[in-house]
């Protein structure tokens, strides 16, 4: 009996070690702000343009048509020509210690929203707290089908056939979720980054980011950006585009970023988005 009890205790102890520790909020916590800018090195690249070839009356409104299709900016690489800032990069602290209390979660991370308008997802990249629900809406008068992939697995798959449709989906697992549209809108892509601590930011139209109220410590900071090149275009027997595969995600690491009493060391100058 004693041997069985010891074995049971060992199993329970091992199980407790396997449970991931949750982020600890501290009320009115004040830390240091890490800010910077992600930039494109070299000449300004053109946008990745994809072919919108379905529901032209909605998806191509105001666009120049080529036959029954129009060009659509994928938004996968948006560079500001005035300062070379890169939009839609995700900047975060990769090795945050969950036992260290930090700032409270921002309200927008608890109640994230993504819309479908003009046959594009808006915003193109969104952050959401793990365990919370994201609201997905359809502002178009046509069918959209939101297919969400966490890696190769389906996170959720929702048809929205009517304008004004609204669904809420709980995001139970942290990770980067890619959205596609299974209603024949192969150019529609977006990302939901489901995050387990609040020290994440999406760069704005100038490439700027800000991580506020960071506790003192030494961190590895990562810049994440989706692949911005088409590696394969899929077509049906008639030659119509039915899908795309894209180049791999790019990540840039900045190690030994030191936060100490309001000062930040190890982050000098702009961060270049390089493969």
Foldseek 3Di string as FASTA:
>chain_A
DVVVVVVVVVVVVVVVVPDDFFAAADPPFAFAKDKFFEFAPDDDDDFDKDKFQPPCVQLVVPADDDVRIGIDGLLQWAADRVQRTTFFKKKFFPDDDRVDYWHDADPCQQEPEWEQHSNEIPPQEEEHEAQHKYKYFYQTQAKWWKFKDFDPDTPDIGIDGGHGDMDIDHRHDFGKIKIATPPQRQSYIGIYGHDRDRQMFTADNRRMTMRGGDHFDWTKMKIKGAARAWPDFDADPVRDTRHTDGDGIFMDIQGGFGTDDHDTPRDDHHHYRDD
